[in-house]
Amino acid sequence: MSHEGVLLIIRAGLVAFMIFAAAVCRALVGPGRKRSEIMMLGTLGGMALGVFAAYVLTPWLTFDPSAVTAPLGIILGWLVSWPFVRRIPREAR
């Protein structure tokens, strides 16, 4: 298998993992518009951080690491926003 084929399979696995992780995270957040909005802010902030990290790391690496750093940033954003979401009651709209 060529190098491009291996990268394609790795990226497909990463996308599948992110879909699964987003579904689990959404189930943990539960109902409530405010809770969803806070998690969305964590997602967007984490993705922005991951893309910025890829921008900083690209000159030192021989490839574009954004396919790895963006999902890691999203997960970091979820971890940061989770304590704020827990303070909002599940019944709150």
PDB file of N, CA and C in Angstrom:
ATOM      1  N   MET A   1       0.849  -1.169   0.000  1.00  0.00           N
ATOM      2  CA  MET A   1       0.000   0.000   0.000  1.00  0.00           C
ATOM      3  C   MET A   1       0.897   1.234   0.000  1.00  0.00           C
ATOM      4  N   SER A   2       0.504   2.217  -0.780  1.00  0.00           N
ATOM      5  CA  SER A   2       1.317   3.426  -0.895  1.00  0.00           C
ATOM      6  C   SER A   2       1.134   4.309   0.341  1.00  0.00           C
ATOM      7  N   HIS A   3       2.010   5.277   0.432  1.00  0.00           N
ATOM      8  CA  HIS A   3       1.967   6.230   1.535  1.00  0.00           C
ATOM      9  C   HIS A   3       0.640   6.997   1.532  1.00  0.00           C
ATOM     10  N   GLU A   4       0.161   7.365   0.351  1.00  0.00           N
ATOM     11  CA  GLU A   4      -1.107   8.098   0.242  1.00  0.00           C
ATOM     12  C   GLU A   4      -2.280   7.235   0.702  1.00  0.00           C
ATOM     13  N   GLY A   5      -2.238   5.941   0.406  1.00  0.00           N
ATOM     14  CA  GLY A   5      -3.298   5.041   0.847  1.00  0.00           C
ATOM     15  C   GLY A   5      -3.342   4.908   2.356  1.00  0.00           C
ATOM     16  N   VAL A   6      -2.171   4.821   2.964  1.00  0.00           N
ATOM     17  CA  VAL A   6      -2.099   4.738   4.422  1.00  0.00           C
ATOM     18  C   VAL A   6      -2.651   6.005   5.050  1.00  0.00           C
ATOM     19  N   LEU A   7      -2.276   7.169   4.512  1.00  0.00           N
ATOM     20  CA  LEU A   7      -2.790   8.435   5.036  1.00  0.00           C
ATOM     21  C   LEU A   7      -4.303   8.535   4.867  1.00  0.00           C
ATOM     22  N   LEU A   8      -4.821   8.049   3.760  1.00  0.00           N
ATOM     23  CA  LEU A   8      -6.263   8.082   3.534  1.00  0.00           C
ATOM     24  C   LEU A   8      -6.997   7.221   4.555  1.00  0.00           C
ATOM     25  N   ILE A   9      -6.483   6.039   4.842  1.00  0.00           N
ATOM     26  CA  ILE A   9      -7.104   5.161   5.826  1.00  0.00           C
ATOM     27  C   ILE A   9      -7.017   5.760   7.224  1.00  0.00           C
ATOM     28  N   ILE A  10      -5.896   6.361   7.550  1.00  0.00           N
ATOM     29  CA  ILE A  10      -5.742   6.998   8.867  1.00  0.00           C
ATOM     30  C   ILE A  10      -6.727   8.150   9.015  1.00  0.00           C
ATOM     31  N   ARG A  11      -6.848   8.967   7.983  1.00  0.00           N
ATOM     32  CA  ARG A  11      -7.781  10.105   8.059  1.00  0.00           C
ATOM     33  C   ARG A  11      -9.224   9.634   8.121  1.00  0.00           C
ATOM     34  N   ALA A  12      -9.571   8.574   7.410  1.00  0.00           N
ATOM     35  CA  ALA A  12     -10.927   8.035   7.479  1.00  0.00           C
ATOM     36  C   ALA A  12     -11.224   7.503   8.893  1.00  0.00           C
ATOM     37  N   GLY A  13     -10.257   6.845   9.490  1.00  0.00           N
ATOM     38  CA  GLY A  13     -10.416   6.382  10.869  1.00  0.00           C
ATOM     39  C   GLY A  13     -10.549   7.534  11.846  1.00  0.00           C
ATOM     40  N   LEU A  14      -9.805   8.591  11.601  1.00  0.00           N
ATOM     41  CA  LEU A  14      -9.896   9.776  12.454  1.00  0.00           C
ATOM     42  C   LEU A  14     -11.265  10.438  12.333  1.00  0.00           C
ATOM     43  N   VAL A  15     -11.805  10.503  11.134  1.00  0.00           N
ATOM     44  CA  VAL A  15     -13.141  11.069  10.938  1.00  0.00           C
ATOM     45  C   VAL A  15     -14.185  10.206  11.632  1.00  0.00           C
ATOM     46  N   ALA A  16     -14.083   8.894  11.516  1.00  0.00           N
ATOM     47  CA  ALA A  16     -15.017   7.999  12.188  1.00  0.00           C
ATOM     48  C   ALA A  16     -14.940   8.165  13.706  1.00  0.00           C
ATOM     49  N   PHE A  17     -13.739   8.297  14.231  1.00  0.00           N
ATOM     50  CA  PHE A  17     -13.566   8.513  15.670  1.00  0.00           C
ATOM     51  C   PHE A  17     -14.187   9.827  16.103  1.00  0.00           C
ATOM     52  N   MET A  18     -14.016  10.881  15.315  1.00  0.00           N
ATOM     53  CA  MET A  18     -14.569  12.185  15.675  1.00  0.00           C
ATOM     54  C   MET A  18     -16.095  12.164  15.638  1.00  0.00           C
ATOM     55  N   ILE A  19     -16.679  11.455  14.691  1.00  0.00           N
ATOM     56  CA  ILE A  19     -18.141  11.335  14.651  1.00  0.00           C
ATOM     57  C   ILE A  19     -18.631  10.609  15.897  1.00  0.00           C
ATOM     58  N   PHE A  20     -17.956   9.548  16.279  1.00  0.00           N
ATOM     59  CA  PHE A  20     -18.325   8.806  17.479  1.00  0.00           C
ATOM     60  C   PHE A  20     -18.134   9.664  18.733  1.00  0.00           C
ATOM     61  N   ALA A  21     -17.021  10.370  18.813  1.00  0.00           N
ATOM     62  CA  ALA A  21     -16.759  11.210  19.985  1.00  0.00           C
ATOM     63  C   ALA A  21     -17.771  12.350  20.091  1.00  0.00           C
ATOM     64  N   ALA A  22     -18.162  12.932  18.972  1.00  0.00           N
ATOM     65  CA  ALA A  22     -19.165  14.004  19.000  1.00  0.00           C
ATOM     66  C   ALA A  22     -20.520  13.470  19.457  1.00  0.00           C
ATOM     67  N   ALA A  23     -20.883  12.268  19.033  1.00  0.00           N
ATOM     68  CA  ALA A  23     -22.155  11.682  19.461  1.00  0.00           C
ATOM     69  C   ALA A  23     -22.149  11.392  20.957  1.00  0.00           C
ATOM     70  N   VAL A  24     -21.050  10.869  21.466  1.00  0.00           N
ATOM     71  CA  VAL A  24     -20.947  10.596  22.900  1.00  0.00           C
ATOM     72  C   VAL A  24     -20.998  11.894  23.690  1.00  0.00           C
ATOM     73  N   CYS A  25     -20.280  12.896  23.221  1.00  0.00           N
ATOM     74  CA  CYS A  25     -20.260  14.192  23.905  1.00  0.00           C
ATOM     75  C   CYS A  25     -21.645  14.819  23.901  1.00  0.00           C
ATOM     76  N   ARG A  26     -22.356  14.724  22.788  1.00  0.00           N
ATOM     77  CA  ARG A  26     -23.713  15.280  22.704  1.00  0.00           C
ATOM     78  C   ARG A  26     -24.654  14.552  23.660  1.00  0.00           C
ATOM     79  N   ALA A  27     -24.495  13.252  23.800  1.00  0.00           N
ATOM     80  CA  ALA A  27     -25.327  12.500  24.738  1.00  0.00           C
ATOM     81  C   ALA A  27     -25.015  12.894  26.181  1.00  0.00           C
ATOM     82  N   LEU A  28     -23.761  13.170  26.481  1.00  0.00           N
ATOM     83  CA  LEU A  28     -23.392  13.589  27.832  1.00  0.00           C
ATOM     84  C   LEU A  28     -23.887  14.989  28.155  1.00  0.00           C
ATOM     85  N   VAL A  29     -23.924  15.857  27.162  1.00  0.00           N
ATOM     86  CA  VAL A  29     -24.383  17.223  27.383  1.00  0.00           C
ATOM     87  C   VAL A  29     -25.860  17.240  27.726  1.00  0.00           C
ATOM     88  N   GLY A  30     -26.640  16.429  27.032  1.00  0.00           N
ATOM     89  CA  GLY A  30     -28.059  16.340  27.311  1.00  0.00           C
ATOM     90  C   GLY A  30     -28.839  17.467  26.666  1.00  0.00           C
ATOM     91  N   PRO A  31     -30.117  17.567  27.029  1.00  0.00           N
ATOM     92  CA  PRO A  31     -30.945  18.598  26.422  1.00  0.00           C
ATOM     93  C   PRO A  31     -30.605  19.975  26.978  1.00  0.00           C
ATOM     94  N   GLY A  32     -31.045  20.959  26.289  1.00  0.00           N
ATOM     95  CA  GLY A  32     -30.811  22.320  26.760  1.00  0.00           C
ATOM     96  C   GLY A  32     -30.035  23.120  25.727  1.00  0.00           C
ATOM     97  N   ARG A  33     -30.627  24.212  25.346  1.00  0.00           N
ATOM     98  CA  ARG A  33     -30.009  25.050  24.324  1.00  0.00           C
ATOM     99  C   ARG A  33     -28.730  25.702  24.836  1.00  0.00           C
ATOM    100  N   LYS A  34     -28.752  26.194  26.060  1.00  0.00           N
ATOM    101  CA  LYS A  34     -27.586  26.883  26.614  1.00  0.00           C
ATOM    102  C   LYS A  34     -26.398  25.929  26.746  1.00  0.00           C
ATOM    103  N   ARG A  35     -26.666  24.707  27.168  1.00  0.00           N
ATOM    104  CA  ARG A  35     -25.589  23.713  27.295  1.00  0.00           C
ATOM    105  C   ARG A  35     -24.968  23.417  25.937  1.00  0.00           C
ATOM    106  N   SER A  36     -25.816  23.291  24.917  1.00  0.00           N
ATOM    107  CA  SER A  36     -25.318  23.019  23.567  1.00  0.00           C
ATOM    108  C   SER A  36     -24.499  24.186  23.029  1.00  0.00           C
ATOM    109  N   GLU A  37     -24.930  25.404  23.333  1.00  0.00           N
ATOM    110  CA  GLU A  37     -24.196  26.580  22.861  1.00  0.00           C
ATOM    111  C   GLU A  37     -22.806  26.654  23.481  1.00  0.00           C
ATOM    112  N   ILE A  38     -22.702  26.335  24.751  1.00  0.00           N
ATOM    113  CA  ILE A  38     -21.388  26.370  25.407  1.00  0.00           C
ATOM    114  C   ILE A  38     -20.472  25.308  24.820  1.00  0.00           C
ATOM    115  N   MET A  39     -21.001  24.121  24.566  1.00  0.00           N
ATOM    116  CA  MET A  39     -20.176  23.078  23.959  1.00  0.00           C
ATOM    117  C   MET A  39     -19.776  23.453  22.531  1.00  0.00           C
ATOM    118  N   MET A  40     -20.661  24.135  21.810  1.00  0.00           N
ATOM    119  CA  MET A  40     -20.318  24.581  20.466  1.00  0.00           C
ATOM    120  C   MET A  40     -19.183  25.605  20.515  1.00  0.00           C
ATOM    121  N   LEU A  41     -19.226  26.503  21.489  1.00  0.00           N
ATOM    122  CA  LEU A  41     -18.127  27.455  21.640  1.00  0.00           C
ATOM    123  C   LEU A  41     -16.816  26.735  21.951  1.00  0.00           C
ATOM    124  N   GLY A  42     -16.887  25.696  22.781  1.00  0.00           N
ATOM    125  CA  GLY A  42     -15.697  24.896  23.058  1.00  0.00           C
ATOM    126  C   GLY A  42     -15.179  24.204  21.814  1.00  0.00           C
ATOM    127  N   THR A  43     -16.094  23.713  20.983  1.00  0.00           N
ATOM    128  CA  THR A  43     -15.703  23.060  19.732  1.00  0.00           C
ATOM    129  C   THR A  43     -15.007  24.037  18.795  1.00  0.00           C
ATOM    130  N   LEU A  44     -15.617  25.198  18.600  1.00  0.00           N
ATOM    131  CA  LEU A  44     -15.034  26.191  17.690  1.00  0.00           C
ATOM    132  C   LEU A  44     -13.700  26.733  18.214  1.00  0.00           C
ATOM    133  N   GLY A  45     -13.645  27.005  19.511  1.00  0.00           N
ATOM    134  CA  GLY A  45     -12.392  27.491  20.091  1.00  0.00           C
ATOM    135  C   GLY A  45     -11.284  26.455  20.022  1.00  0.00           C
ATOM    136  N   GLY A  46     -11.630  25.210  20.287  1.00  0.00           N
ATOM    137  CA  GLY A  46     -10.634  24.139  20.214  1.00  0.00           C
ATOM    138  C   GLY A  46     -10.151  23.908  18.800  1.00  0.00           C
ATOM    139  N   MET A  47     -11.066  23.982  17.834  1.00  0.00           N
ATOM    140  CA  MET A  47     -10.657  23.810  16.436  1.00  0.00           C
ATOM    141  C   MET A  47      -9.741  24.952  15.998  1.00  0.00           C
ATOM    142  N   ALA A  48     -10.072  26.165  16.419  1.00  0.00           N
ATOM    143  CA  ALA A  48      -9.217  27.306  16.080  1.00  0.00           C
ATOM    144  C   ALA A  48      -7.829  27.131  16.693  1.00  0.00           C
ATOM    145  N   LEU A  49      -7.779  26.649  17.919  1.00  0.00           N
ATOM    146  CA  LEU A  49      -6.485  26.403  18.560  1.00  0.00           C
ATOM    147  C   LEU A  49      -5.705  25.312  17.839  1.00  0.00           C
ATOM    148  N   GLY A  50      -6.401  24.254  17.421  1.00  0.00           N
ATOM    149  CA  GLY A  50      -5.731  23.165  16.699  1.00  0.00           C
ATOM    150  C   GLY A  50      -5.192  23.606  15.350  1.00  0.00           C
ATOM    151  N   VAL A  51      -5.958  24.409  14.632  1.00  0.00           N
ATOM    152  CA  VAL A  51      -5.486  24.903  13.333  1.00  0.00           C
ATOM    153  C   VAL A  51      -4.322  25.865  13.523  1.00  0.00           C
ATOM    154  N   PHE A  52      -4.378  26.690  14.569  1.00  0.00           N
ATOM    155  CA  PHE A  52      -3.248  27.587  14.848  1.00  0.00           C
ATOM    156  C   PHE A  52      -2.001  26.793  15.217  1.00  0.00           C
ATOM    157  N   ALA A  53      -2.175  25.733  15.986  1.00  0.00           N
ATOM    158  CA  ALA A  53      -1.024  24.893  16.335  1.00  0.00           C
ATOM    159  C   ALA A  53      -0.429  24.247  15.090  1.00  0.00           C
ATOM    160  N   ALA A  54      -1.282  23.843  14.155  1.00  0.00           N
ATOM    161  CA  ALA A  54      -0.770  23.280  12.902  1.00  0.00           C
ATOM    162  C   ALA A  54      -0.008  24.327  12.106  1.00  0.00           C
ATOM    163  N   TYR A  55      -0.498  25.553  12.104  1.00  0.00           N
ATOM    164  CA  TYR A  55       0.182  26.648  11.411  1.00  0.00           C
ATOM    165  C   TYR A  55       1.571  26.893  12.012  1.00  0.00           C
ATOM    166  N   VAL A  56       1.659  26.793  13.332  1.00  0.00           N
ATOM    167  CA  VAL A  56       2.949  27.020  14.000  1.00  0.00           C
ATOM    168  C   VAL A  56       3.892  25.845  13.772  1.00  0.00           C
ATOM    169  N   LEU A  57       3.373  24.624  13.753  1.00  0.00           N
ATOM    170  CA  LEU A  57       4.221  23.436  13.642  1.00  0.00           C
ATOM    171  C   LEU A  57       4.641  23.104  12.213  1.00  0.00           C
ATOM    172  N   THR A  58       3.900  23.572  11.216  1.00  0.00           N
ATOM    173  CA  THR A  58       4.174  23.199   9.832  1.00  0.00           C
ATOM    174  C   THR A  58       5.594  23.525   9.369  1.00  0.00           C
ATOM    175  N   PRO A  59       6.177  24.678   9.702  1.00  0.00           N
ATOM    176  CA  PRO A  59       7.553  24.924   9.238  1.00  0.00           C
ATOM    177  C   PRO A  59       8.582  23.918   9.764  1.00  0.00           C
ATOM    178  N   TRP A  60       8.332  23.341  10.934  1.00  0.00           N
ATOM    179  CA  TRP A  60       9.295  22.398  11.511  1.00  0.00           C
ATOM    180  C   TRP A  60       9.060  20.967  11.054  1.00  0.00           C
ATOM    181  N   LEU A  61       7.851  20.675  10.612  1.00  0.00           N
ATOM    182  CA  LEU A  61       7.528  19.323  10.169  1.00  0.00           C
ATOM    183  C   LEU A  61       7.558  19.257   8.646  1.00  0.00           C
ATOM    184  N   THR A  62       7.570  18.066   8.115  1.00  0.00           N
ATOM    185  CA  THR A  62       7.588  17.906   6.660  1.00  0.00           C
ATOM    186  C   THR A  62       6.193  17.690   6.082  1.00  0.00           C
ATOM    187  N   PHE A  63       5.158  17.801   6.908  1.00  0.00           N
ATOM    188  CA  PHE A  63       3.789  17.589   6.447  1.00  0.00           C
ATOM    189  C   PHE A  63       2.866  18.539   7.204  1.00  0.00           C
ATOM    190  N   ASP A  64       1.618  18.591   6.770  1.00  0.00           N
ATOM    191  CA  ASP A  64       0.617  19.433   7.409  1.00  0.00           C
ATOM    192  C   ASP A  64      -0.069  18.643   8.520  1.00  0.00           C
ATOM    193  N   PRO A  65       0.157  19.007   9.782  1.00  0.00           N
ATOM    194  CA  PRO A  65      -0.418  18.229  10.887  1.00  0.00           C
ATOM    195  C   PRO A  65      -1.830  18.648  11.271  1.00  0.00           C
ATOM    196  N   SER A  66      -2.508  19.461  10.458  1.00  0.00           N
ATOM    197  CA  SER A  66      -3.820  19.979  10.849  1.00  0.00           C
ATOM    198  C   SER A  66      -4.875  18.886  10.975  1.00  0.00           C
ATOM    199  N   ALA A  67      -4.711  17.766  10.258  1.00  0.00           N
ATOM    200  CA  ALA A  67      -5.664  16.666  10.375  1.00  0.00           C
ATOM    201  C   ALA A  67      -5.594  16.013  11.755  1.00  0.00           C
ATOM    202  N   VAL A  68      -4.500  16.204  12.452  1.00  0.00           N
ATOM    203  CA  VAL A  68      -4.353  15.643  13.797  1.00  0.00           C
ATOM    204  C   VAL A  68      -4.577  16.715  14.860  1.00  0.00           C
ATOM    205  N   THR A  69      -4.034  17.912  14.641  1.00  0.00           N
ATOM    206  CA  THR A  69      -4.120  18.941  15.672  1.00  0.00           C
ATOM    207  C   THR A  69      -5.519  19.533  15.805  1.00  0.00           C
ATOM    208  N   ALA A  70      -6.284  19.616  14.721  1.00  0.00           N
ATOM    209  CA  ALA A  70      -7.646  20.160  14.816  1.00  0.00           C
ATOM    210  C   ALA A  70      -8.553  19.273  15.666  1.00  0.00           C
ATOM    211  N   PRO A  71      -8.595  17.947  15.438  1.00  0.00           N
ATOM    212  CA  PRO A  71      -9.420  17.110  16.337  1.00  0.00           C
ATOM    213  C   PRO A  71      -8.933  17.112  17.782  1.00  0.00           C
ATOM    214  N   LEU A  72      -7.628  17.155  17.972  1.00  0.00           N
ATOM    215  CA  LEU A  72      -7.122  17.240  19.345  1.00  0.00           C
ATOM    216  C   LEU A  72      -7.535  18.550  20.000  1.00  0.00           C
ATOM    217  N   GLY A  73      -7.540  19.623  19.223  1.00  0.00           N
ATOM    218  CA  GLY A  73      -7.996  20.907  19.735  1.00  0.00           C
ATOM    219  C   GLY A  73      -9.476  20.888  20.084  1.00  0.00           C
ATOM    220  N   ILE A  74     -10.276  20.197  19.267  1.00  0.00           N
ATOM    221  CA  ILE A  74     -11.711  20.077  19.552  1.00  0.00           C
ATOM    222  C   ILE A  74     -11.921  19.349  20.871  1.00  0.00           C
ATOM    223  N   ILE A  75     -11.214  18.265  21.065  1.00  0.00           N
ATOM    224  CA  ILE A  75     -11.351  17.512  22.316  1.00  0.00           C
ATOM    225  C   ILE A  75     -10.892  18.363  23.497  1.00  0.00           C
ATOM    226  N   LEU A  76      -9.831  19.136  23.323  1.00  0.00           N
ATOM    227  CA  LEU A  76      -9.376  20.037  24.378  1.00  0.00           C
ATOM    228  C   LEU A  76     -10.434  21.103  24.664  1.00  0.00           C
ATOM    229  N   GLY A  77     -11.060  21.616  23.616  1.00  0.00           N
ATOM    230  CA  GLY A  77     -12.131  22.594  23.806  1.00  0.00           C
ATOM    231  C   GLY A  77     -13.310  22.010  24.566  1.00  0.00           C
ATOM    232  N   TRP A  78     -13.645  20.748  24.287  1.00  0.00           N
ATOM    233  CA  TRP A  78     -14.718  20.088  25.028  1.00  0.00           C
ATOM    234  C   TRP A  78     -14.346  19.930  26.492  1.00  0.00           C
ATOM    235  N   LEU A  79     -13.097  19.571  26.750  1.00  0.00           N
ATOM    236  CA  LEU A  79     -12.663  19.389  28.137  1.00  0.00           C
ATOM    237  C   LEU A  79     -12.699  20.704  28.904  1.00  0.00           C
ATOM    238  N   VAL A  80     -12.387  21.797  28.233  1.00  0.00           N
ATOM    239  CA  VAL A  80     -12.412  23.101  28.895  1.00  0.00           C
ATOM    240  C   VAL A  80     -13.851  23.559  29.141  1.00  0.00           C
ATOM    241  N   SER A  81     -14.747  23.329  28.193  1.00  0.00           N
ATOM    242  CA  SER A  81     -16.120  23.815  28.343  1.00  0.00           C
ATOM    243  C   SER A  81     -16.982  22.916  29.230  1.00  0.00           C
ATOM    244  N   TRP A  82     -16.567  21.680  29.457  1.00  0.00           N
ATOM    245  CA  TRP A  82     -17.373  20.753  30.246  1.00  0.00           C
ATOM    246  C   TRP A  82     -17.667  21.245  31.665  1.00  0.00           C
ATOM    247  N   PRO A  83     -16.713  21.799  32.418  1.00  0.00           N
ATOM    248  CA  PRO A  83     -17.055  22.288  33.766  1.00  0.00           C
ATOM    249  C   PRO A  83     -18.112  23.394  33.750  1.00  0.00           C
ATOM    250  N   PHE A  84     -18.124  24.215  32.709  1.00  0.00           N
ATOM    251  CA  PHE A  84     -19.133  25.266  32.613  1.00  0.00           C
ATOM    252  C   PHE A  84     -20.507  24.681  32.298  1.00  0.00           C
ATOM    253  N   VAL A  85     -20.534  23.647  31.476  1.00  0.00           N
ATOM    254  CA  VAL A  85     -21.804  23.011  31.120  1.00  0.00           C
ATOM    255  C   VAL A  85     -22.414  22.307  32.326  1.00  0.00           C
ATOM    256  N   ARG A  86     -21.584  21.724  33.140  1.00  0.00           N
ATOM    257  CA  ARG A  86     -22.098  20.993  34.304  1.00  0.00           C
ATOM    258  C   ARG A  86     -22.816  21.912  35.284  1.00  0.00           C
ATOM    259  N   ARG A  87     -22.496  23.193  35.302  1.00  0.00           N
ATOM    260  CA  ARG A  87     -23.143  24.133  36.224  1.00  0.00           C
ATOM    261  C   ARG A  87     -24.569  24.483  35.810  1.00  0.00           C
ATOM    262  N   ILE A  88     -24.905  24.270  34.552  1.00  0.00           N
ATOM    263  CA  ILE A  88     -26.240  24.600  34.056  1.00  0.00           C
ATOM    264  C   ILE A  88     -27.138  23.382  34.281  1.00  0.00           C
ATOM    265  N   PRO A  89     -28.301  23.571  34.891  1.00  0.00           N
ATOM    266  CA  PRO A  89     -29.200  22.427  35.099  1.00  0.00           C
ATOM    267  C   PRO A  89     -29.634  21.805  33.771  1.00  0.00           C
ATOM    268  N   ARG A  90     -29.832  20.511  33.767  1.00  0.00           N
ATOM    269  CA  ARG A  90     -30.217  19.801  32.536  1.00  0.00           C
ATOM    270  C   ARG A  90     -31.576  20.258  32.026  1.00  0.00           C
ATOM    271  N   GLU A  91     -32.438  20.722  32.896  1.00  0.00           N
ATOM    272  CA  GLU A  91     -33.783  21.148  32.512  1.00  0.00           C
ATOM    273  C   GLU A  91     -33.809  22.565  31.959  1.00  0.00           C
ATOM    274  N   ALA A  92     -32.727  23.321  32.118  1.00  0.00           N
ATOM    275  CA  ALA A  92     -32.699  24.723  31.682  1.00  0.00           C
ATOM    276  C   ALA A  92     -32.764  24.806  30.170  1.00  0.00           C
ATOM    277  N   ARG A  93     -33.446  25.790  29.683  1.00  0.00           N
ATOM    278  CA  ARG A  93     -33.566  25.990  28.228  1.00  0.00           C
ATOM    279  C   ARG A  93     -32.679  27.068  27.807  1.00  0.00           C
TER     280      ARG A  93
END
